[in-house]
Amino acid sequence: MRLLLQQRPDGREAPRFVQLTLQQDLLGAWTLLRETGQTGGRSTLRREQYLDHASALAALEHARDVQLKRGFQLMYAEGAGAPR
């Protein structure tokens, strides 16, 4: 599951983005990847581990909601049951 959020460009600099990806590992745990940065520039990648899908999905939805409150817009959602 993957979500891409982006701020509107203000004309002075490239827009910022946040990409949230939820992946299951080989042992059955779940990883939430948060990539943040500026389009065409540097980015930062953080990883969080969760033991079950429900808690990982709740963390993804919370991260999405925080970014939406900061003025980001959902540009792309991929995956079965991707929250919108």
C-alpha atoms as a PDB file:
ATOM      1  CA  MET A   1       0.000   0.000   0.000  1.00  0.00           C
ATOM      2  CA  ARG A   2       1.382   3.418  -0.933  1.00  0.00           C
ATOM      3  CA  LEU A   3       0.189   6.998  -0.485  1.00  0.00           C
ATOM      4  CA  LEU A   4       1.784  10.085  -2.021  1.00  0.00           C
ATOM      5  CA  LEU A   5       0.973  13.496  -0.565  1.00  0.00           C
ATOM      6  CA  GLN A   6       2.274  16.802  -1.884  1.00  0.00           C
ATOM      7  CA  GLN A   7       2.069  20.489  -1.000  1.00  0.00           C
ATOM      8  CA  ARG A   8       1.067  22.982  -3.633  1.00  0.00           C
ATOM      9  CA  PRO A   9       4.067  24.813  -5.099  1.00  0.00           C
ATOM     10  CA  ASP A  10       4.274  28.467  -4.055  1.00  0.00           C
ATOM     11  CA  GLY A  11       6.367  29.515  -7.068  1.00  0.00           C
ATOM     12  CA  ARG A  12       9.582  30.150  -5.140  1.00  0.00           C
ATOM     13  CA  GLU A  13      10.702  26.575  -4.491  1.00  0.00           C
ATOM     14  CA  ALA A  14       9.845  23.021  -5.466  1.00  0.00           C
ATOM     15  CA  PRO A  15       6.901  21.416  -3.654  1.00  0.00           C
ATOM     16  CA  ARG A  16       7.465  19.172  -0.653  1.00  0.00           C
ATOM     17  CA  PHE A  17       6.220  15.588  -0.634  1.00  0.00           C
ATOM     18  CA  VAL A  18       5.490  12.769   1.788  1.00  0.00           C
ATOM     19  CA  GLN A  19       5.292   9.155   0.641  1.00  0.00           C
ATOM     20  CA  LEU A  20       3.874   6.558   3.034  1.00  0.00           C
ATOM     21  CA  THR A  21       4.403   2.890   2.168  1.00  0.00           C
ATOM     22  CA  LEU A  22       3.166  -0.123   4.123  1.00  0.00           C
ATOM     23  CA  GLN A  23       4.961  -3.434   3.466  1.00  0.00           C
ATOM     24  CA  GLN A  24       4.866  -6.877   5.015  1.00  0.00           C
ATOM     25  CA  ASP A  25       8.229  -8.517   5.677  1.00  0.00           C
ATOM     26  CA  LEU A  26       9.150 -12.196   5.363  1.00  0.00           C
ATOM     27  CA  LEU A  27       8.407 -12.901   9.034  1.00  0.00           C
ATOM     28  CA  GLY A  28       4.881 -11.505   8.924  1.00  0.00           C
ATOM     29  CA  ALA A  29       5.556  -8.146  10.601  1.00  0.00           C
ATOM     30  CA  TRP A  30       4.704  -4.841   8.919  1.00  0.00           C
ATOM     31  CA  THR A  31       6.947  -1.891   8.076  1.00  0.00           C
ATOM     32  CA  LEU A  32       5.758   1.683   7.591  1.00  0.00           C
ATOM     33  CA  LEU A  33       8.178   3.654   5.416  1.00  0.00           C
ATOM     34  CA  ARG A  34       7.927   7.461   5.559  1.00  0.00           C
ATOM     35  CA  GLU A  35       9.841   9.323   2.892  1.00  0.00           C
ATOM     36  CA  THR A  36       9.786  13.123   3.086  1.00  0.00           C
ATOM     37  CA  GLY A  37      11.569  15.740   1.058  1.00  0.00           C
ATOM     38  CA  GLN A  38      11.449  18.282  -1.699  1.00  0.00           C
ATOM     39  CA  THR A  39      10.641  17.258  -5.255  1.00  0.00           C
ATOM     40  CA  GLY A  40      13.922  17.024  -7.179  1.00  0.00           C
ATOM     41  CA  GLY A  41      15.974  17.376  -4.002  1.00  0.00           C
ATOM     42  CA  ARG A  42      17.069  15.431  -0.962  1.00  0.00           C
ATOM     43  CA  SER A  43      14.728  13.191   0.966  1.00  0.00           C
ATOM     44  CA  THR A  44      14.672  11.413   4.301  1.00  0.00           C
ATOM     45  CA  LEU A  45      13.476   7.839   4.854  1.00  0.00           C
ATOM     46  CA  ARG A  46      12.261   6.582   8.235  1.00  0.00           C
ATOM     47  CA  ARG A  47      11.108   3.042   9.078  1.00  0.00           C
ATOM     48  CA  GLU A  48       8.734   1.887  11.789  1.00  0.00           C
ATOM     49  CA  GLN A  49       8.045  -1.779  12.587  1.00  0.00           C
ATOM     50  CA  TYR A  50       4.641  -3.150  13.666  1.00  0.00           C
ATOM     51  CA  LEU A  51       3.728  -6.696  14.672  1.00  0.00           C
ATOM     52  CA  ASP A  52       0.260  -6.742  13.127  1.00  0.00           C
ATOM     53  CA  HIS A  53      -1.505  -5.233  10.142  1.00  0.00           C
ATOM     54  CA  ALA A  54      -4.139  -3.369  12.180  1.00  0.00           C
ATOM     55  CA  SER A  55      -1.621  -1.314  14.159  1.00  0.00           C
ATOM     56  CA  ALA A  56       0.462  -0.626  11.036  1.00  0.00           C
ATOM     57  CA  LEU A  57      -2.627   0.543   9.129  1.00  0.00           C
ATOM     58  CA  ALA A  58      -3.654   2.767  12.049  1.00  0.00           C
ATOM     59  CA  ALA A  59      -0.173   4.346  12.054  1.00  0.00           C
ATOM     60  CA  LEU A  60      -0.356   4.931   8.286  1.00  0.00           C
ATOM     61  CA  GLU A  61      -3.780   6.573   8.582  1.00  0.00           C
ATOM     62  CA  HIS A  62      -2.594   8.745  11.469  1.00  0.00           C
ATOM     63  CA  ALA A  63       0.491   9.862   9.511  1.00  0.00           C
ATOM     64  CA  ARG A  64      -1.738  10.656   6.516  1.00  0.00           C
ATOM     65  CA  ASP A  65      -4.160  12.688   8.648  1.00  0.00           C
ATOM     66  CA  VAL A  66      -1.320  14.705  10.212  1.00  0.00           C
ATOM     67  CA  GLN A  67       0.019  15.622   6.779  1.00  0.00           C
ATOM     68  CA  LEU A  68      -3.443  16.538   5.473  1.00  0.00           C
ATOM     69  CA  LYS A  69      -3.823  18.958   8.404  1.00  0.00           C
ATOM     70  CA  ARG A  70      -0.465  20.502   7.457  1.00  0.00           C
ATOM     71  CA  GLY A  71      -1.778  21.399   4.014  1.00  0.00           C
ATOM     72  CA  PHE A  72      -0.619  18.398   1.989  1.00  0.00           C
ATOM     73  CA  GLN A  73      -2.954  16.944  -0.632  1.00  0.00           C
ATOM     74  CA  LEU A  74      -3.357  13.262  -1.458  1.00  0.00           C
ATOM     75  CA  MET A  75      -2.036  12.851  -5.003  1.00  0.00           C
ATOM     76  CA  TYR A  76      -1.903   9.074  -5.378  1.00  0.00           C
ATOM     77  CA  ALA A  77      -3.133   5.996  -3.500  1.00  0.00           C
ATOM     78  CA  GLU A  78      -2.183   2.436  -4.462  1.00  0.00           C
ATOM     79  CA  GLY A  79      -2.993  -0.933  -2.965  1.00  0.00           C
ATOM     80  CA  ALA A  80      -5.920  -3.016  -1.844  1.00  0.00           C
ATOM     81  CA  GLY A  81      -8.016  -1.118   0.645  1.00  0.00           C
ATOM     82  CA  ALA A  82      -5.802   1.967   0.447  1.00  0.00           C
ATOM     83  CA  PRO A  83      -7.202   4.661   2.744  1.00  0.00           C
ATOM     84  CA  ARG A  84      -8.256   7.785   0.889  1.00  0.00           C
END
